[in-house]
Amino acid sequence: MQVIGTHRHTLDAKNRLSMPAQFRDEIGEFFYIVKAPDECLFVYDQEGWDRLTAQIRMKSATRSDRNDQRFAYVGADRLSLDKNGRFVISQEFIDYAGLKKDVVVFGCDNRIEIWDAKAWDDMMTDAPAVGFEGIIW
C-alpha cells in the first residue's frame, strides 16, 4: 500500500468514521488499526501489518522488548469497512488518540494516520516549514 492525501472527516454518534474513497481499494477487505506512539492511530493493510508484526516478533530478548510487543498487540484491532465505506473505532482507541468529532485522515506512504483535527492542526502549526529539507534523496 502506498497512500498520500489529507482528508477531514467527522466521527458519527456511533464512533463510525468514513474511510476516504481513495484509500478504500488500497487497504483491502481487512485492515489493522493500532495505537501509534504519537497519540494518533495508524492503519495498515495486510501486507503492512505482516511487515510490522515480523519486526515486533524479532524483538523479544529483553523485558522492555516484550513489553513493546504487548503494547503493540493490545493496541491493535482488525477491522473491515461496511457497505458505506465506514468502520467503527472502539472507545478505547478514541480515548487514546483524543479523537473528538472532527478528525484528519492522512495517507503517509505505507500507512494511514488518524488524528484529532485540533491536535493535527496544532502539530502542523508548530512544525517547521522546511518542506523536503533534511530528506535524503
C-alpha atoms as a PDB file:
ATOM      1  CA  MET A   1       0.000   0.000   0.000  1.00  0.00           C
ATOM      2  CA  GLN A   2       1.195   3.480  -0.791  1.00  0.00           C
ATOM      3  CA  VAL A   3      -1.159   6.306   0.125  1.00  0.00           C
ATOM      4  CA  ILE A   4      -0.973  10.086   0.194  1.00  0.00           C
ATOM      5  CA  GLY A   5      -3.522  12.803   0.774  1.00  0.00           C
ATOM      6  CA  THR A   6      -5.158  14.547   3.707  1.00  0.00           C
ATOM      7  CA  HIS A   7      -8.885  14.360   4.384  1.00  0.00           C
ATOM      8  CA  ARG A   8     -11.075  15.880   7.065  1.00  0.00           C
ATOM      9  CA  HIS A   9     -13.962  13.751   8.305  1.00  0.00           C
ATOM     10  CA  THR A  10     -16.223  13.526  11.310  1.00  0.00           C
ATOM     11  CA  LEU A  11     -16.919  10.696  13.710  1.00  0.00           C
ATOM     12  CA  ASP A  12     -20.618   9.994  13.939  1.00  0.00           C
ATOM     13  CA  ALA A  13     -22.537   9.275  17.159  1.00  0.00           C
ATOM     14  CA  LYS A  14     -21.739   5.549  16.843  1.00  0.00           C
ATOM     15  CA  ASN A  15     -17.961   6.176  16.523  1.00  0.00           C
ATOM     16  CA  ARG A  16     -18.022   5.370  12.824  1.00  0.00           C
ATOM     17  CA  LEU A  17     -15.557   7.018  10.500  1.00  0.00           C
ATOM     18  CA  SER A  18     -15.754   7.081   6.735  1.00  0.00           C
ATOM     19  CA  MET A  19     -12.577   5.873   5.067  1.00  0.00           C
ATOM     20  CA  PRO A  20     -11.637   8.312   2.280  1.00  0.00           C
ATOM     21  CA  ALA A  21     -12.674   6.814  -1.054  1.00  0.00           C
ATOM     22  CA  GLN A  22      -9.156   6.994  -2.477  1.00  0.00           C
ATOM     23  CA  PHE A  23      -7.856   4.775   0.365  1.00  0.00           C
ATOM     24  CA  ARG A  24     -10.569   2.086   0.254  1.00  0.00           C
ATOM     25  CA  ASP A  25      -9.100  -0.039  -2.510  1.00  0.00           C
ATOM     26  CA  GLU A  26      -5.626   0.266  -1.008  1.00  0.00           C
ATOM     27  CA  ILE A  27      -6.484  -1.189   2.411  1.00  0.00           C
ATOM     28  CA  GLY A  28      -8.242  -4.323   1.168  1.00  0.00           C
ATOM     29  CA  GLU A  29     -11.056  -6.304   2.770  1.00  0.00           C
ATOM     30  CA  PHE A  30      -9.494  -6.304   6.234  1.00  0.00           C
ATOM     31  CA  PHE A  31      -7.120  -3.804   7.768  1.00  0.00           C
ATOM     32  CA  TYR A  32      -5.450  -3.193  11.114  1.00  0.00           C
ATOM     33  CA  ILE A  33      -5.660  -0.161  13.347  1.00  0.00           C
ATOM     34  CA  VAL A  34      -3.023   0.388  16.026  1.00  0.00           C
ATOM     35  CA  LYS A  35      -2.297   2.866  18.786  1.00  0.00           C
ATOM     36  CA  ALA A  36       0.644   4.872  17.491  1.00  0.00           C
ATOM     37  CA  PRO A  37       3.383   6.377  19.649  1.00  0.00           C
ATOM     38  CA  ASP A  38       2.343   9.911  18.641  1.00  0.00           C
ATOM     39  CA  GLU A  39      -1.092   9.684  20.298  1.00  0.00           C
ATOM     40  CA  CYS A  40      -2.776   9.088  16.978  1.00  0.00           C
ATOM     41  CA  LEU A  41      -3.871   5.895  15.218  1.00  0.00           C
ATOM     42  CA  PHE A  42      -2.104   4.071  12.389  1.00  0.00           C
ATOM     43  CA  VAL A  43      -3.958   1.959   9.821  1.00  0.00           C
ATOM     44  CA  TYR A  44      -2.149  -0.807   7.920  1.00  0.00           C
ATOM     45  CA  ASP A  45      -3.251  -3.098   5.128  1.00  0.00           C
ATOM     46  CA  GLN A  46      -2.483  -6.827   5.482  1.00  0.00           C
ATOM     47  CA  GLU A  47       0.979  -6.529   3.922  1.00  0.00           C
ATOM     48  CA  GLY A  48       1.910  -3.620   6.194  1.00  0.00           C
ATOM     49  CA  TRP A  49       0.602  -5.479   9.244  1.00  0.00           C
ATOM     50  CA  ASP A  50       2.632  -8.561   8.303  1.00  0.00           C
ATOM     51  CA  ARG A  51       5.816  -6.457   7.992  1.00  0.00           C
ATOM     52  CA  LEU A  52       5.116  -4.736  11.316  1.00  0.00           C
ATOM     53  CA  THR A  53       4.451  -7.968  13.193  1.00  0.00           C
ATOM     54  CA  ALA A  54       7.592  -9.553  11.717  1.00  0.00           C
ATOM     55  CA  GLN A  55       9.623  -6.671  13.170  1.00  0.00           C
ATOM     56  CA  ILE A  56       7.855  -6.967  16.513  1.00  0.00           C
ATOM     57  CA  ARG A  57       8.412 -10.725  16.602  1.00  0.00           C
ATOM     58  CA  MET A  58      12.168 -10.237  16.146  1.00  0.00           C
ATOM     59  CA  LYS A  59      12.382  -8.237  19.374  1.00  0.00           C
ATOM     60  CA  SER A  60      11.919 -10.407  22.445  1.00  0.00           C
ATOM     61  CA  ALA A  61      15.276 -10.587  24.161  1.00  0.00           C
ATOM     62  CA  THR A  62      14.583  -8.178  26.992  1.00  0.00           C
ATOM     63  CA  ARG A  63      11.695  -7.372  29.283  1.00  0.00           C
ATOM     64  CA  SER A  64      11.424  -3.989  27.564  1.00  0.00           C
ATOM     65  CA  ASP A  65      11.175  -5.719  24.157  1.00  0.00           C
ATOM     66  CA  ARG A  66       8.424  -7.993  25.424  1.00  0.00           C
ATOM     67  CA  ASN A  67       6.564  -5.007  26.875  1.00  0.00           C
ATOM     68  CA  ASP A  68       6.830  -3.312  23.475  1.00  0.00           C
ATOM     69  CA  GLN A  69       5.341  -6.466  21.919  1.00  0.00           C
ATOM     70  CA  ARG A  70       2.493  -6.454  24.422  1.00  0.00           C
ATOM     71  CA  PHE A  71       1.724  -2.780  23.778  1.00  0.00           C
ATOM     72  CA  ALA A  72       1.736  -3.366  20.017  1.00  0.00           C
ATOM     73  CA  TYR A  73      -0.751  -6.227  20.149  1.00  0.00           C
ATOM     74  CA  VAL A  74      -3.034  -4.945  22.888  1.00  0.00           C
ATOM     75  CA  GLY A  75      -3.148  -1.663  20.990  1.00  0.00           C
ATOM     76  CA  ALA A  76      -4.320  -3.228  17.729  1.00  0.00           C
ATOM     77  CA  ASP A  77      -7.591  -4.302  16.148  1.00  0.00           C
ATOM     78  CA  ARG A  78      -8.584  -5.985  12.882  1.00  0.00           C
ATOM     79  CA  LEU A  79     -11.399  -4.180  11.080  1.00  0.00           C
ATOM     80  CA  SER A  80     -13.313  -4.029   7.818  1.00  0.00           C
ATOM     81  CA  LEU A  81     -15.420  -1.408   6.077  1.00  0.00           C
ATOM     82  CA  ASP A  82     -19.209  -1.570   5.973  1.00  0.00           C
ATOM     83  CA  LYS A  83     -21.077  -1.199   2.672  1.00  0.00           C
ATOM     84  CA  ASN A  84     -20.896   2.603   3.049  1.00  0.00           C
ATOM     85  CA  GLY A  85     -17.109   2.651   3.466  1.00  0.00           C
ATOM     86  CA  ARG A  86     -17.218   3.267   7.231  1.00  0.00           C
ATOM     87  CA  PHE A  87     -15.638   1.490  10.164  1.00  0.00           C
ATOM     88  CA  VAL A  88     -16.148   1.668  13.915  1.00  0.00           C
ATOM     89  CA  ILE A  89     -13.338   2.904  16.122  1.00  0.00           C
ATOM     90  CA  SER A  90     -13.558   1.491  19.631  1.00  0.00           C
ATOM     91  CA  GLN A  91     -13.954   3.902  22.530  1.00  0.00           C
ATOM     92  CA  GLU A  92     -10.571   2.760  23.873  1.00  0.00           C
ATOM     93  CA  PHE A  93      -8.871   3.880  20.659  1.00  0.00           C
ATOM     94  CA  ILE A  94     -10.827   7.134  20.544  1.00  0.00           C
ATOM     95  CA  ASP A  95      -9.781   7.924  24.114  1.00  0.00           C
ATOM     96  CA  TYR A  96      -6.137   7.001  23.450  1.00  0.00           C
ATOM     97  CA  ALA A  97      -5.876   9.282  20.394  1.00  0.00           C
ATOM     98  CA  GLY A  98      -8.004  12.037  21.950  1.00  0.00           C
ATOM     99  CA  LEU A  99     -10.371  11.961  18.988  1.00  0.00           C
ATOM    100  CA  LYS A 100     -13.285  14.334  19.142  1.00  0.00           C
ATOM    101  CA  LYS A 101     -15.874  14.816  16.428  1.00  0.00           C
ATOM    102  CA  ASP A 102     -13.544  16.269  13.769  1.00  0.00           C
ATOM    103  CA  VAL A 103     -10.638  14.117  12.605  1.00  0.00           C
ATOM    104  CA  VAL A 104      -7.945  14.163   9.953  1.00  0.00           C
ATOM    105  CA  VAL A 105      -7.232  11.035   7.923  1.00  0.00           C
ATOM    106  CA  PHE A 106      -3.802  11.296   6.344  1.00  0.00           C
ATOM    107  CA  GLY A 107      -2.006   8.984   3.893  1.00  0.00           C
ATOM    108  CA  CYS A 108       1.597   8.556   4.985  1.00  0.00           C
ATOM    109  CA  ASP A 109       3.189   6.210   2.424  1.00  0.00           C
ATOM    110  CA  ASN A 110       2.706   2.689   3.821  1.00  0.00           C
ATOM    111  CA  ARG A 111       0.093   3.602   6.431  1.00  0.00           C
ATOM    112  CA  ILE A 112      -2.879   5.824   7.096  1.00  0.00           C
ATOM    113  CA  GLU A 113      -2.849   8.044  10.176  1.00  0.00           C
ATOM    114  CA  ILE A 114      -5.930   9.209  12.068  1.00  0.00           C
ATOM    115  CA  TRP A 115      -5.603  12.351  14.189  1.00  0.00           C
ATOM    116  CA  ASP A 116      -7.897  14.552  16.194  1.00  0.00           C
ATOM    117  CA  ALA A 117      -8.291  17.612  13.940  1.00  0.00           C
ATOM    118  CA  LYS A 118      -7.194  20.116  16.596  1.00  0.00           C
ATOM    119  CA  ALA A 119      -4.121  18.043  17.529  1.00  0.00           C
ATOM    120  CA  TRP A 120      -3.245  17.750  13.823  1.00  0.00           C
ATOM    121  CA  ASP A 121      -3.692  21.481  13.233  1.00  0.00           C
ATOM    122  CA  ASP A 122      -1.609  22.323  16.319  1.00  0.00           C
ATOM    123  CA  MET A 123       1.169  19.989  15.200  1.00  0.00           C
ATOM    124  CA  MET A 124       1.178  21.402  11.683  1.00  0.00           C
ATOM    125  CA  THR A 125       1.276  24.962  13.051  1.00  0.00           C
ATOM    126  CA  ASP A 126       4.244  24.113  15.247  1.00  0.00           C
ATOM    127  CA  ALA A 127       6.073  22.154  12.533  1.00  0.00           C
ATOM    128  CA  PRO A 128       8.972  23.960  10.876  1.00  0.00           C
ATOM    129  CA  ALA A 129       8.246  24.950   7.305  1.00  0.00           C
ATOM    130  CA  VAL A 130      11.203  23.110   5.813  1.00  0.00           C
ATOM    131  CA  GLY A 131       9.444  21.049   3.178  1.00  0.00           C
ATOM    132  CA  PHE A 132      11.779  18.341   1.949  1.00  0.00           C
ATOM    133  CA  GLU A 133      14.859  19.767   3.644  1.00  0.00           C
ATOM    134  CA  GLY A 134      16.518  17.060   5.658  1.00  0.00           C
ATOM    135  CA  ILE A 135      15.210  14.205   3.486  1.00  0.00           C
ATOM    136  CA  ILE A 136      17.988  12.229   1.890  1.00  0.00           C
ATOM    137  CA  TRP A 137      17.247  11.528  -1.753  1.00  0.00           C
END
